[in-house]
Amino acid sequence: MIGVNLFSTQGSGVSMIRIRLELWLRMGKDLGKDFQRLSDTCYVLEEEIGDGVTVRNFFNHLAEKDQPIREKIFESGKNIFYPDVVVTLNDRIIDPDELYERILKDGDKITVLPIFMGG
């Protein structure tokens, strides 16, 4: 964490930004109540967080409170995404090492997709 609560910064003097997270995976029924379920494979979270939060900080926070994220998307013990998902920022695939340290900005959209293989 970066010294601020990502979701509750009232009275801290930290400015807030709004981001959107889209999960295009089967997450089951245990996903947090803050997520809007659009279908069996699409969940959306629109959230205000403190300015200066990195992608890694954001997912680490989500993994701490939501078991499905911890089990399917982000390995909080290692602070990395699982290898069977692709994470985009504003519809662009970015190298994971760069993505982890990217500071989120107002209006950013993060999308998590499964990796599909086959022929």
PDB file of N, CA and C in Angstrom:
ATOM      1  N   MET A   1       0.835  -1.182   0.000  1.00  0.00           N
ATOM      2  CA  MET A   1       0.000   0.000   0.000  1.00  0.00           C
ATOM      3  C   MET A   1       0.878   1.243   0.000  1.00  0.00           C
ATOM      4  N   ILE A   2       0.290   2.345  -0.352  1.00  0.00           N
ATOM      5  CA  ILE A   2       1.082   3.562  -0.472  1.00  0.00           C
ATOM      6  C   ILE A   2       0.823   4.536   0.658  1.00  0.00           C
ATOM      7  N   GLY A   3       0.288   4.081   1.761  1.00  0.00           N
ATOM      8  CA  GLY A   3       0.088   4.949   2.911  1.00  0.00           C
ATOM      9  C   GLY A   3      -1.285   5.590   2.975  1.00  0.00           C
ATOM     10  N   VAL A   4      -2.144   5.345   1.989  1.00  0.00           N
ATOM     11  CA  VAL A   4      -3.516   5.840   2.064  1.00  0.00           C
ATOM     12  C   VAL A   4      -4.443   4.670   1.818  1.00  0.00           C
ATOM     13  N   ASN A   5      -5.625   4.742   2.399  1.00  0.00           N
ATOM     14  CA  ASN A   5      -6.641   3.759   2.084  1.00  0.00           C
ATOM     15  C   ASN A   5      -7.118   4.068   0.674  1.00  0.00           C
ATOM     16  N   LEU A   6      -7.045   3.117  -0.219  1.00  0.00           N
ATOM     17  CA  LEU A   6      -7.369   3.351  -1.619  1.00  0.00           C
ATOM     18  C   LEU A   6      -8.792   3.834  -1.838  1.00  0.00           C
ATOM     19  N   PHE A   7      -9.713   3.409  -0.978  1.00  0.00           N
ATOM     20  CA  PHE A   7     -11.115   3.662  -1.232  1.00  0.00           C
ATOM     21  C   PHE A   7     -11.751   4.670  -0.289  1.00  0.00           C
ATOM     22  N   SER A   8     -11.111   5.008   0.788  1.00  0.00           N
ATOM     23  CA  SER A   8     -11.704   5.929   1.741  1.00  0.00           C
ATOM     24  C   SER A   8     -10.661   6.939   2.187  1.00  0.00           C
ATOM     25  N   THR A   9     -10.610   8.057   1.506  1.00  0.00           N
ATOM     26  CA  THR A   9      -9.594   9.053   1.816  1.00  0.00           C
ATOM     27  C   THR A   9     -10.222  10.349   2.342  1.00  0.00           C
ATOM     28  N   GLN A  10     -11.419  10.247   2.873  1.00  0.00           N
ATOM     29  CA  GLN A  10     -12.087  11.422   3.398  1.00  0.00           C
ATOM     30  C   GLN A  10     -11.252  12.063   4.496  1.00  0.00           C
ATOM     31  N   GLY A  11     -11.073  13.364   4.396  1.00  0.00           N
ATOM     32  CA  GLY A  11     -10.356  14.112   5.408  1.00  0.00           C
ATOM     33  C   GLY A  11      -8.848  13.953   5.344  1.00  0.00           C
ATOM     34  N   SER A  12      -8.334  13.224   4.347  1.00  0.00           N
ATOM     35  CA  SER A  12      -6.891  13.007   4.276  1.00  0.00           C
ATOM     36  C   SER A  12      -6.189  14.013   3.384  1.00  0.00           C
ATOM     37  N   GLY A  13      -6.940  14.820   2.646  1.00  0.00           N
ATOM     38  CA  GLY A  13      -6.335  15.774   1.737  1.00  0.00           C
ATOM     39  C   GLY A  13      -5.900  15.151   0.419  1.00  0.00           C
ATOM     40  N   VAL A  14      -6.156  13.866   0.222  1.00  0.00           N
ATOM     41  CA  VAL A  14      -5.783  13.182  -1.009  1.00  0.00           C
ATOM     42  C   VAL A  14      -6.874  13.408  -2.042  1.00  0.00           C
ATOM     43  N   SER A  15      -6.479  13.811  -3.263  1.00  0.00           N
ATOM     44  CA  SER A  15      -7.484  13.979  -4.308  1.00  0.00           C
ATOM     45  C   SER A  15      -7.899  12.609  -4.834  1.00  0.00           C
ATOM     46  N   MET A  16      -9.089  12.551  -5.364  1.00  0.00           N
ATOM     47  CA  MET A  16      -9.680  11.289  -5.802  1.00  0.00           C
ATOM     48  C   MET A  16      -9.731  11.232  -7.322  1.00  0.00           C
ATOM     49  N   ILE A  17      -9.624  10.011  -7.843  1.00  0.00           N
ATOM     50  CA  ILE A  17      -9.805   9.770  -9.270  1.00  0.00           C
ATOM     51  C   ILE A  17     -10.836   8.661  -9.432  1.00  0.00           C
ATOM     52  N   ARG A  18     -11.437   8.594 -10.607  1.00  0.00           N
ATOM     53  CA  ARG A  18     -12.440   7.561 -10.889  1.00  0.00           C
ATOM     54  C   ARG A  18     -11.888   6.624 -11.958  1.00  0.00           C
ATOM     55  N   ILE A  19     -11.962   5.328 -11.684  1.00  0.00           N
ATOM     56  CA  ILE A  19     -11.506   4.330 -12.652  1.00  0.00           C
ATOM     57  C   ILE A  19     -12.587   3.288 -12.860  1.00  0.00           C
ATOM     58  N   ARG A  20     -12.425   2.517 -13.948  1.00  0.00           N
ATOM     59  CA  ARG A  20     -13.363   1.439 -14.273  1.00  0.00           C
ATOM     60  C   ARG A  20     -12.562   0.152 -14.446  1.00  0.00           C
ATOM     61  N   LEU A  21     -13.021  -0.910 -13.807  1.00  0.00           N
ATOM     62  CA  LEU A  21     -12.417  -2.228 -13.933  1.00  0.00           C
ATOM     63  C   LEU A  21     -13.447  -3.162 -14.545  1.00  0.00           C
ATOM     64  N   GLU A  22     -13.071  -3.825 -15.639  1.00  0.00           N
ATOM     65  CA  GLU A  22     -13.934  -4.812 -16.276  1.00  0.00           C
ATOM     66  C   GLU A  22     -13.268  -6.172 -16.180  1.00  0.00           C
ATOM     67  N   LEU A  23     -13.983  -7.151 -15.661  1.00  0.00           N
ATOM     68  CA  LEU A  23     -13.492  -8.521 -15.561  1.00  0.00           C
ATOM     69  C   LEU A  23     -14.298  -9.370 -16.525  1.00  0.00           C
ATOM     70  N   TRP A  24     -13.641  -9.936 -17.525  1.00  0.00           N
ATOM     71  CA  TRP A  24     -14.309 -10.779 -18.512  1.00  0.00           C
ATOM     72  C   TRP A  24     -13.943 -12.243 -18.254  1.00  0.00           C
ATOM     73  N   LEU A  25     -14.288 -12.712 -17.061  1.00  0.00           N
ATOM     74  CA  LEU A  25     -13.991 -14.067 -16.608  1.00  0.00           C
ATOM     75  C   LEU A  25     -15.159 -14.586 -15.786  1.00  0.00           C
ATOM     76  N   ARG A  26     -15.263 -15.884 -15.683  1.00  0.00           N
ATOM     77  CA  ARG A  26     -16.232 -16.462 -14.750  1.00  0.00           C
ATOM     78  C   ARG A  26     -15.663 -16.295 -13.345  1.00  0.00           C
ATOM     79  N   MET A  27     -16.320 -15.495 -12.530  1.00  0.00           N
ATOM     80  CA  MET A  27     -15.807 -15.188 -11.196  1.00  0.00           C
ATOM     81  C   MET A  27     -16.608 -15.852 -10.089  1.00  0.00           C
ATOM     82  N   GLY A  28     -17.753 -16.405 -10.406  1.00  0.00           N
ATOM     83  CA  GLY A  28     -18.559 -17.056  -9.377  1.00  0.00           C
ATOM     84  C   GLY A  28     -19.356 -16.051  -8.561  1.00  0.00           C
ATOM     85  N   LYS A  29     -20.013 -16.550  -7.543  1.00  0.00           N
ATOM     86  CA  LYS A  29     -20.922 -15.727  -6.744  1.00  0.00           C
ATOM     87  C   LYS A  29     -20.235 -15.016  -5.594  1.00  0.00           C
ATOM     88  N   ASP A  30     -18.976 -15.318  -5.330  1.00  0.00           N
ATOM     89  CA  ASP A  30     -18.303 -14.768  -4.158  1.00  0.00           C
ATOM     90  C   ASP A  30     -17.620 -13.428  -4.402  1.00  0.00           C
ATOM     91  N   LEU A  31     -17.705 -12.902  -5.602  1.00  0.00           N
ATOM     92  CA  LEU A  31     -17.087 -11.617  -5.894  1.00  0.00           C
ATOM     93  C   LEU A  31     -17.778 -10.528  -5.089  1.00  0.00           C
ATOM     94  N   GLY A  32     -17.016  -9.548  -4.648  1.00  0.00           N
ATOM     95  CA  GLY A  32     -17.534  -8.497  -3.780  1.00  0.00           C
ATOM     96  C   GLY A  32     -18.771  -7.803  -4.305  1.00  0.00           C
ATOM     97  N   LYS A  33     -19.567  -7.301  -3.381  1.00  0.00           N
ATOM     98  CA  LYS A  33     -20.846  -6.668  -3.731  1.00  0.00           C
ATOM     99  C   LYS A  33     -20.670  -5.362  -4.491  1.00  0.00           C
ATOM    100  N   ASP A  34     -19.452  -4.807  -4.505  1.00  0.00           N
ATOM    101  CA  ASP A  34     -19.213  -3.567  -5.243  1.00  0.00           C
ATOM    102  C   ASP A  34     -19.199  -3.786  -6.750  1.00  0.00           C
ATOM    103  N   PHE A  35     -19.041  -5.045  -7.171  1.00  0.00           N
ATOM    104  CA  PHE A  35     -18.997  -5.351  -8.600  1.00  0.00           C
ATOM    105  C   PHE A  35     -20.408  -5.499  -9.145  1.00  0.00           C
ATOM    106  N   GLN A  36     -20.638  -4.924 -10.314  1.00  0.00           N
ATOM    107  CA  GLN A  36     -21.906  -5.079 -11.010  1.00  0.00           C
ATOM    108  C   GLN A  36     -21.758  -6.255 -11.971  1.00  0.00           C
ATOM    109  N   ARG A  37     -22.644  -7.226 -11.865  1.00  0.00           N
ATOM    110  CA  ARG A  37     -22.597  -8.398 -12.742  1.00  0.00           C
ATOM    111  C   ARG A  37     -23.454  -8.132 -13.967  1.00  0.00           C
ATOM    112  N   LEU A  38     -22.801  -8.051 -15.139  1.00  0.00           N
ATOM    113  CA  LEU A  38     -23.523  -7.804 -16.377  1.00  0.00           C
ATOM    114  C   LEU A  38     -23.906  -9.101 -17.085  1.00  0.00           C
ATOM    115  N   SER A  39     -23.125 -10.164 -16.848  1.00  0.00           N
ATOM    116  CA  SER A  39     -23.415 -11.491 -17.400  1.00  0.00           C
ATOM    117  C   SER A  39     -22.610 -12.505 -16.595  1.00  0.00           C
ATOM    118  N   ASP A  40     -22.671 -13.780 -17.001  1.00  0.00           N
ATOM    119  CA  ASP A  40     -21.893 -14.809 -16.300  1.00  0.00           C
ATOM    120  C   ASP A  40     -20.392 -14.588 -16.418  1.00  0.00           C
ATOM    121  N   THR A  41     -19.984 -13.821 -17.420  1.00  0.00           N
ATOM    122  CA  THR A  41     -18.550 -13.617 -17.650  1.00  0.00           C
ATOM    123  C   THR A  41     -18.138 -12.154 -17.681  1.00  0.00           C
ATOM    124  N   CYS A  42     -18.993 -11.249 -17.260  1.00  0.00           N
ATOM    125  CA  CYS A  42     -18.630  -9.835 -17.273  1.00  0.00           C
ATOM    126  C   CYS A  42     -19.059  -9.149 -15.977  1.00  0.00           C
ATOM    127  N   TYR A  43     -18.062  -8.592 -15.300  1.00  0.00           N
ATOM    128  CA  TYR A  43     -18.282  -7.875 -14.044  1.00  0.00           C
ATOM    129  C   TYR A  43     -17.602  -6.514 -14.145  1.00  0.00           C
ATOM    130  N   VAL A  44     -18.248  -5.485 -13.611  1.00  0.00           N
ATOM    131  CA  VAL A  44     -17.716  -4.128 -13.703  1.00  0.00           C
ATOM    132  C   VAL A  44     -17.675  -3.506 -12.314  1.00  0.00           C
ATOM    133  N   LEU A  45     -16.578  -2.813 -12.069  1.00  0.00           N
ATOM    134  CA  LEU A  45     -16.417  -2.031 -10.844  1.00  0.00           C
ATOM    135  C   LEU A  45     -16.037  -0.626 -11.259  1.00  0.00           C
ATOM    136  N   GLU A  46     -16.824   0.347 -10.873  1.00  0.00           N
ATOM    137  CA  GLU A  46     -16.472   1.751 -11.074  1.00  0.00           C
ATOM    138  C   GLU A  46     -16.212   2.310  -9.696  1.00  0.00           C
ATOM    139  N   GLU A  47     -15.008   2.836  -9.501  1.00  0.00           N
ATOM    140  CA  GLU A  47     -14.570   3.173  -8.150  1.00  0.00           C
ATOM    141  C   GLU A  47     -13.776   4.468  -8.119  1.00  0.00           C
ATOM    142  N   GLU A  48     -13.931   5.195  -7.028  1.00  0.00           N
ATOM    143  CA  GLU A  48     -13.080   6.344  -6.756  1.00  0.00           C
ATOM    144  C   GLU A  48     -11.971   5.876  -5.836  1.00  0.00           C
ATOM    145  N   ILE A  49     -10.744   6.203  -6.210  1.00  0.00           N
ATOM    146  CA  ILE A  49      -9.584   5.835  -5.404  1.00  0.00           C
ATOM    147  C   ILE A  49      -8.706   7.060  -5.231  1.00  0.00           C
ATOM    148  N   GLY A  50      -7.769   6.979  -4.321  1.00  0.00           N
ATOM    149  CA  GLY A  50      -6.839   8.075  -4.098  1.00  0.00           C
ATOM    150  C   GLY A  50      -5.899   8.260  -5.270  1.00  0.00           C
ATOM    151  N   ASP A  51      -5.563   9.498  -5.561  1.00  0.00           N
ATOM    152  CA  ASP A  51      -4.616   9.831  -6.614  1.00  0.00           C
ATOM    153  C   ASP A  51      -3.242   9.260  -6.250  1.00  0.00           C
ATOM    154  N   GLY A  52      -2.494   8.755  -7.227  1.00  0.00           N
ATOM    155  CA  GLY A  52      -1.161   8.231  -6.994  1.00  0.00           C
ATOM    156  C   GLY A  52      -1.093   6.734  -6.788  1.00  0.00           C
ATOM    157  N   VAL A  53      -2.209   6.037  -6.931  1.00  0.00           N
ATOM    158  CA  VAL A  53      -2.263   4.590  -6.732  1.00  0.00           C
ATOM    159  C   VAL A  53      -1.787   3.890  -8.008  1.00  0.00           C
ATOM    160  N   THR A  54      -0.895   2.900  -7.852  1.00  0.00           N
ATOM    161  CA  THR A  54      -0.429   2.129  -9.005  1.00  0.00           C
ATOM    162  C   THR A  54      -1.382   0.966  -9.279  1.00  0.00           C
ATOM    163  N   VAL A  55      -1.249   0.402 -10.468  1.00  0.00           N
ATOM    164  CA  VAL A  55      -2.044  -0.776 -10.824  1.00  0.00           C
ATOM    165  C   VAL A  55      -1.788  -1.895  -9.815  1.00  0.00           C
ATOM    166  N   ARG A  56      -0.523  -2.096  -9.448  1.00  0.00           N
ATOM    167  CA  ARG A  56      -0.181  -3.148  -8.478  1.00  0.00           C
ATOM    168  C   ARG A  56      -0.860  -2.889  -7.131  1.00  0.00           C
ATOM    169  N   ASN A  57      -0.822  -1.650  -6.634  1.00  0.00           N
ATOM    170  CA  ASN A  57      -1.478  -1.318  -5.363  1.00  0.00           C
ATOM    171  C   ASN A  57      -2.979  -1.605  -5.432  1.00  0.00           C
ATOM    172  N   PHE A  58      -3.582  -1.209  -6.542  1.00  0.00           N
ATOM    173  CA  PHE A  58      -5.018  -1.381  -6.713  1.00  0.00           C
ATOM    174  C   PHE A  58      -5.395  -2.864  -6.671  1.00  0.00           C
ATOM    175  N   PHE A  59      -4.690  -3.707  -7.434  1.00  0.00           N
ATOM    176  CA  PHE A  59      -5.027  -5.126  -7.464  1.00  0.00           C
ATOM    177  C   PHE A  59      -4.652  -5.825  -6.169  1.00  0.00           C
ATOM    178  N   ASN A  60      -3.594  -5.394  -5.533  1.00  0.00           N
ATOM    179  CA  ASN A  60      -3.246  -5.973  -4.241  1.00  0.00           C
ATOM    180  C   ASN A  60      -4.371  -5.715  -3.231  1.00  0.00           C
ATOM    181  N   HIS A  61      -4.907  -4.506  -3.240  1.00  0.00           N
ATOM    182  CA  HIS A  61      -6.020  -4.159  -2.351  1.00  0.00           C
ATOM    183  C   HIS A  61      -7.252  -5.018  -2.676  1.00  0.00           C
ATOM    184  N   LEU A  62      -7.581  -5.160  -3.960  1.00  0.00           N
ATOM    185  CA  LEU A  62      -8.735  -5.972  -4.349  1.00  0.00           C
ATOM    186  C   LEU A  62      -8.542  -7.431  -3.956  1.00  0.00           C
ATOM    187  N   ALA A  63      -7.333  -7.953  -4.149  1.00  0.00           N
ATOM    188  CA  ALA A  63      -7.053  -9.357  -3.816  1.00  0.00           C
ATOM    189  C   ALA A  63      -7.158  -9.604  -2.320  1.00  0.00           C
ATOM    190  N   GLU A  64      -6.824  -8.609  -1.515  1.00  0.00           N
ATOM    191  CA  GLU A  64      -6.939  -8.769  -0.063  1.00  0.00           C
ATOM    192  C   GLU A  64      -8.385  -8.921   0.374  1.00  0.00           C
ATOM    193  N   LYS A  65      -9.308  -8.250  -0.308  1.00  0.00           N
ATOM    194  CA  LYS A  65     -10.696  -8.284   0.144  1.00  0.00           C
ATOM    195  C   LYS A  65     -11.613  -9.192  -0.669  1.00  0.00           C
ATOM    196  N   ASP A  66     -11.196  -9.617  -1.879  1.00  0.00           N
ATOM    197  CA  ASP A  66     -12.040 -10.462  -2.726  1.00  0.00           C
ATOM    198  C   ASP A  66     -11.315 -11.745  -3.093  1.00  0.00           C
ATOM    199  N   GLN A  67     -11.747 -12.849  -2.499  1.00  0.00           N
ATOM    200  CA  GLN A  67     -11.113 -14.145  -2.736  1.00  0.00           C
ATOM    201  C   GLN A  67     -11.066 -14.529  -4.215  1.00  0.00           C
ATOM    202  N   PRO A  68     -12.138 -14.331  -5.012  1.00  0.00           N
ATOM    203  CA  PRO A  68     -12.054 -14.707  -6.429  1.00  0.00           C
ATOM    204  C   PRO A  68     -10.943 -13.963  -7.182  1.00  0.00           C
ATOM    205  N   ILE A  69     -10.694 -12.732  -6.841  1.00  0.00           N
ATOM    206  CA  ILE A  69      -9.603 -11.998  -7.489  1.00  0.00           C
ATOM    207  C   ILE A  69      -8.268 -12.596  -7.069  1.00  0.00           C
ATOM    208  N   ARG A  70      -8.151 -12.920  -5.811  1.00  0.00           N
ATOM    209  CA  ARG A  70      -6.930 -13.536  -5.282  1.00  0.00           C
ATOM    210  C   ARG A  70      -6.683 -14.907  -5.917  1.00  0.00           C
ATOM    211  N   GLU A  71      -7.745 -15.646  -6.219  1.00  0.00           N
ATOM    212  CA  GLU A  71      -7.608 -16.997  -6.761  1.00  0.00           C
ATOM    213  C   GLU A  71      -7.470 -17.055  -8.278  1.00  0.00           C
ATOM    214  N   LYS A  72      -7.995 -16.045  -9.003  1.00  0.00           N
ATOM    215  CA  LYS A  72      -8.053 -16.144 -10.463  1.00  0.00           C
ATOM    216  C   LYS A  72      -7.300 -15.049 -11.212  1.00  0.00           C
ATOM    217  N   ILE A  73      -6.993 -13.920 -10.550  1.00  0.00           N
ATOM    218  CA  ILE A  73      -6.431 -12.794 -11.285  1.00  0.00           C
ATOM    219  C   ILE A  73      -5.081 -12.342 -10.758  1.00  0.00           C
ATOM    220  N   PHE A  74      -4.985 -12.104  -9.451  1.00  0.00           N
ATOM    221  CA  PHE A  74      -3.799 -11.459  -8.891  1.00  0.00           C
ATOM    222  C   PHE A  74      -3.281 -12.227  -7.696  1.00  0.00           C
ATOM    223  N   GLU A  75      -2.062 -12.717  -7.790  1.00  0.00           N
ATOM    224  CA  GLU A  75      -1.442 -13.462  -6.708  1.00  0.00           C
ATOM    225  C   GLU A  75      -0.823 -12.462  -5.731  1.00  0.00           C
ATOM    226  N   SER A  76      -1.561 -12.152  -4.662  1.00  0.00           N
ATOM    227  CA  SER A  76      -1.144 -11.075  -3.762  1.00  0.00           C
ATOM    228  C   SER A  76       0.152 -11.379  -3.033  1.00  0.00           C
ATOM    229  N   GLY A  77       0.458 -12.636  -2.769  1.00  0.00           N
ATOM    230  CA  GLY A  77       1.710 -12.980  -2.097  1.00  0.00           C
ATOM    231  C   GLY A  77       2.929 -12.608  -2.921  1.00  0.00           C
ATOM    232  N   LYS A  78       2.789 -12.689  -4.245  1.00  0.00           N
ATOM    233  CA  LYS A  78       3.887 -12.342  -5.147  1.00  0.00           C
ATOM    234  C   LYS A  78       3.678 -10.988  -5.827  1.00  0.00           C
ATOM    235  N   ASN A  79       2.490 -10.392  -5.654  1.00  0.00           N
ATOM    236  CA  ASN A  79       2.146  -9.105  -6.268  1.00  0.00           C
ATOM    237  C   ASN A  79       2.234  -9.143  -7.786  1.00  0.00           C
ATOM    238  N   ILE A  80       1.723 -10.228  -8.383  1.00  0.00           N
ATOM    239  CA  ILE A  80       1.730 -10.353  -9.836  1.00  0.00           C
ATOM    240  C   ILE A  80       0.399 -10.927 -10.320  1.00  0.00           C
ATOM    241  N   PHE A  81       0.109 -10.674 -11.610  1.00  0.00           N
ATOM    242  CA  PHE A  81      -1.055 -11.289 -12.234  1.00  0.00           C
ATOM    243  C   PHE A  81      -0.741 -12.744 -12.540  1.00  0.00           C
ATOM    244  N   TYR A  82      -1.771 -13.574 -12.483  1.00  0.00           N
ATOM    245  CA  TYR A  82      -1.587 -14.962 -12.883  1.00  0.00           C
ATOM    246  C   TYR A  82      -1.288 -15.003 -14.381  1.00  0.00           C
ATOM    247  N   PRO A  83      -0.541 -16.009 -14.841  1.00  0.00           N
ATOM    248  CA  PRO A  83      -0.130 -16.041 -16.243  1.00  0.00           C
ATOM    249  C   PRO A  83      -1.243 -16.351 -17.238  1.00  0.00           C
ATOM    250  N   ASP A  84      -2.415 -16.762 -16.766  1.00  0.00           N
ATOM    251  CA  ASP A  84      -3.489 -17.097 -17.695  1.00  0.00           C
ATOM    252  C   ASP A  84      -4.499 -15.967 -17.893  1.00  0.00           C
ATOM    253  N   VAL A  85      -4.115 -14.734 -17.524  1.00  0.00           N
ATOM    254  CA  VAL A  85      -4.957 -13.570 -17.809  1.00  0.00           C
ATOM    255  C   VAL A  85      -4.128 -12.507 -18.545  1.00  0.00           C
ATOM    256  N   VAL A  86      -4.830 -11.700 -19.321  1.00  0.00           N
ATOM    257  CA  VAL A  86      -4.242 -10.545 -19.987  1.00  0.00           C
ATOM    258  C   VAL A  86      -4.901  -9.318 -19.386  1.00  0.00           C
ATOM    259  N   VAL A  87      -4.112  -8.337 -19.016  1.00  0.00           N
ATOM    260  CA  VAL A  87      -4.639  -7.112 -18.427  1.00  0.00           C
ATOM    261  C   VAL A  87      -4.317  -5.963 -19.367  1.00  0.00           C
ATOM    262  N   THR A  88      -5.361  -5.207 -19.732  1.00  0.00           N
ATOM    263  CA  THR A  88      -5.150  -4.044 -20.589  1.00  0.00           C
ATOM    264  C   THR A  88      -5.468  -2.775 -19.800  1.00  0.00           C
ATOM    265  N   LEU A  89      -4.841  -1.702 -20.201  1.00  0.00           N
ATOM    266  CA  LEU A  89      -5.115  -0.385 -19.629  1.00  0.00           C
ATOM    267  C   LEU A  89      -5.538   0.514 -20.773  1.00  0.00           C
ATOM    268  N   ASN A  90      -6.762   1.013 -20.687  1.00  0.00           N
ATOM    269  CA  ASN A  90      -7.332   1.851 -21.743  1.00  0.00           C
ATOM    270  C   ASN A  90      -7.246   1.164 -23.107  1.00  0.00           C
ATOM    271  N   ASP A  91      -7.593  -0.132 -23.110  1.00  0.00           N
ATOM    272  CA  ASP A  91      -7.667  -0.967 -24.312  1.00  0.00           C
ATOM    273  C   ASP A  91      -6.313  -1.211 -24.975  1.00  0.00           C
ATOM    274  N   ARG A  92      -5.230  -1.055 -24.232  1.00  0.00           N
ATOM    275  CA  ARG A  92      -3.886  -1.329 -24.755  1.00  0.00           C
ATOM    276  C   ARG A  92      -3.196  -2.358 -23.873  1.00  0.00           C
ATOM    277  N   ILE A  93      -2.567  -3.342 -24.512  1.00  0.00           N
ATOM    278  CA  ILE A  93      -1.764  -4.304 -23.773  1.00  0.00           C
ATOM    279  C   ILE A  93      -0.421  -3.653 -23.472  1.00  0.00           C
ATOM    280  N   ILE A  94      -0.039  -3.687 -22.223  1.00  0.00           N
ATOM    281  CA  ILE A  94       1.209  -3.062 -21.781  1.00  0.00           C
ATOM    282  C   ILE A  94       2.044  -4.136 -21.090  1.00  0.00           C
ATOM    283  N   ASP A  95       3.350  -4.106 -21.286  1.00  0.00           N
ATOM    284  CA  ASP A  95       4.245  -5.042 -20.627  1.00  0.00           C
ATOM    285  C   ASP A  95       3.928  -5.076 -19.135  1.00  0.00           C
ATOM    286  N   PRO A  96       3.765  -6.273 -18.552  1.00  0.00           N
ATOM    287  CA  PRO A  96       3.382  -6.349 -17.134  1.00  0.00           C
ATOM    288  C   PRO A  96       4.310  -5.575 -16.194  1.00  0.00           C
ATOM    289  N   ASP A  97       5.609  -5.610 -16.425  1.00  0.00           N
ATOM    290  CA  ASP A  97       6.525  -4.883 -15.539  1.00  0.00           C
ATOM    291  C   ASP A  97       6.239  -3.386 -15.542  1.00  0.00           C
ATOM    292  N   GLU A  98       5.887  -2.855 -16.703  1.00  0.00           N
ATOM    293  CA  GLU A  98       5.533  -1.438 -16.788  1.00  0.00           C
ATOM    294  C   GLU A  98       4.139  -1.198 -16.221  1.00  0.00           C
ATOM    295  N   LEU A  99       3.230  -2.129 -16.492  1.00  0.00           N
ATOM    296  CA  LEU A  99       1.848  -1.983 -16.035  1.00  0.00           C
ATOM    297  C   LEU A  99       1.757  -1.942 -14.513  1.00  0.00           C
ATOM    298  N   TYR A 100       2.510  -2.802 -13.826  1.00  0.00           N
ATOM    299  CA  TYR A 100       2.441  -2.851 -12.363  1.00  0.00           C
ATOM    300  C   TYR A 100       2.705  -1.498 -11.729  1.00  0.00           C
ATOM    301  N   GLU A 101       3.655  -0.757 -12.261  1.00  0.00           N
ATOM    302  CA  GLU A 101       4.063   0.513 -11.654  1.00  0.00           C
ATOM    303  C   GLU A 101       3.344   1.722 -12.248  1.00  0.00           C
ATOM    304  N   ARG A 102       2.460   1.495 -13.201  1.00  0.00           N
ATOM    305  CA  ARG A 102       1.726   2.596 -13.827  1.00  0.00           C
ATOM    306  C   ARG A 102       0.791   3.226 -12.803  1.00  0.00           C
ATOM    307  N   ILE A 103       0.877   4.528 -12.648  1.00  0.00           N
ATOM    308  CA  ILE A 103      -0.011   5.257 -11.736  1.00  0.00           C
ATOM    309  C   ILE A 103      -1.330   5.488 -12.455  1.00  0.00           C
ATOM    310  N   LEU A 104      -2.399   5.074 -11.812  1.00  0.00           N
ATOM    311  CA  LEU A 104      -3.724   5.225 -12.410  1.00  0.00           C
ATOM    312  C   LEU A 104      -4.125   6.687 -12.459  1.00  0.00           C
ATOM    313  N   LYS A 105      -4.831   7.037 -13.542  1.00  0.00           N
ATOM    314  CA  LYS A 105      -5.292   8.408 -13.754  1.00  0.00           C
ATOM    315  C   LYS A 105      -6.807   8.418 -13.867  1.00  0.00           C
ATOM    316  N   ASP A 106      -7.376   9.574 -13.628  1.00  0.00           N
ATOM    317  CA  ASP A 106      -8.816   9.723 -13.708  1.00  0.00           C
ATOM    318  C   ASP A 106      -9.320   9.278 -15.081  1.00  0.00           C
ATOM    319  N   GLY A 107     -10.332   8.425 -15.087  1.00  0.00           N
ATOM    320  CA  GLY A 107     -10.930   7.938 -16.324  1.00  0.00           C
ATOM    321  C   GLY A 107     -10.290   6.677 -16.883  1.00  0.00           C
ATOM    322  N   ASP A 108      -9.241   6.153 -16.250  1.00  0.00           N
ATOM    323  CA  ASP A 108      -8.604   4.933 -16.744  1.00  0.00           C
ATOM    324  C   ASP A 108      -9.571   3.757 -16.692  1.00  0.00           C
ATOM    325  N   LYS A 109      -9.402   2.854 -17.676  1.00  0.00           N
ATOM    326  CA  LYS A 109     -10.186   1.618 -17.721  1.00  0.00           C
ATOM    327  C   LYS A 109      -9.211   0.443 -17.750  1.00  0.00           C
ATOM    328  N   ILE A 110      -9.360  -0.452 -16.788  1.00  0.00           N
ATOM    329  CA  ILE A 110      -8.571  -1.672 -16.725  1.00  0.00           C
ATOM    330  C   ILE A 110      -9.486  -2.825 -17.118  1.00  0.00           C
ATOM    331  N   THR A 111      -9.008  -3.667 -18.035  1.00  0.00           N
ATOM    332  CA  THR A 111      -9.782  -4.820 -18.470  1.00  0.00           C
ATOM    333  C   THR A 111      -8.966  -6.077 -18.219  1.00  0.00           C
ATOM    334  N   VAL A 112      -9.580  -7.092 -17.632  1.00  0.00           N
ATOM    335  CA  VAL A 112      -8.927  -8.375 -17.391  1.00  0.00           C
ATOM    336  C   VAL A 112      -9.631  -9.421 -18.248  1.00  0.00           C
ATOM    337  N   LEU A 113      -8.848 -10.093 -19.096  1.00  0.00           N
ATOM    338  CA  LEU A 113      -9.368 -11.078 -20.038  1.00  0.00           C
ATOM    339  C   LEU A 113      -8.642 -12.408 -19.842  1.00  0.00           C
ATOM    340  N   PRO A 114      -9.309 -13.523 -20.119  1.00  0.00           N
ATOM    341  CA  PRO A 114      -8.600 -14.803 -20.085  1.00  0.00           C
ATOM    342  C   PRO A 114      -7.751 -14.944 -21.341  1.00  0.00           C
ATOM    343  N   ILE A 115      -6.676 -15.698 -21.239  1.00  0.00           N
ATOM    344  CA  ILE A 115      -5.882 -16.021 -22.418  1.00  0.00           C
ATOM    345  C   ILE A 115      -6.550 -17.205 -23.107  1.00  0.00           C
ATOM    346  N   PHE A 116      -6.798 -17.054 -24.393  1.00  0.00           N
ATOM    347  CA  PHE A 116      -7.380 -18.140 -25.175  1.00  0.00           C
ATOM    348  C   PHE A 116      -6.310 -18.690 -26.104  1.00  0.00           C
ATOM    349  N   MET A 117      -6.264 -20.022 -26.202  1.00  0.00           N
ATOM    350  CA  MET A 117      -5.326 -20.674 -27.119  1.00  0.00           C
ATOM    351  C   MET A 117      -6.088 -21.715 -27.916  1.00  0.00           C
ATOM    352  N   GLY A 118      -5.545 -22.023 -29.005  1.00  0.00           N
ATOM    353  CA  GLY A 118      -6.161 -23.060 -29.822  1.00  0.00           C
ATOM    354  C   GLY A 118      -5.931 -22.797 -31.289  1.00  0.00           C
ATOM    355  N   GLY A 119      -6.540 -23.560 -32.061  1.00  0.00           N
ATOM    356  CA  GLY A 119      -6.323 -23.384 -33.494  1.00  0.00           C
ATOM    357  C   GLY A 119      -7.448 -23.945 -34.281  1.00  0.00           C
TER     358      GLY A 119
END
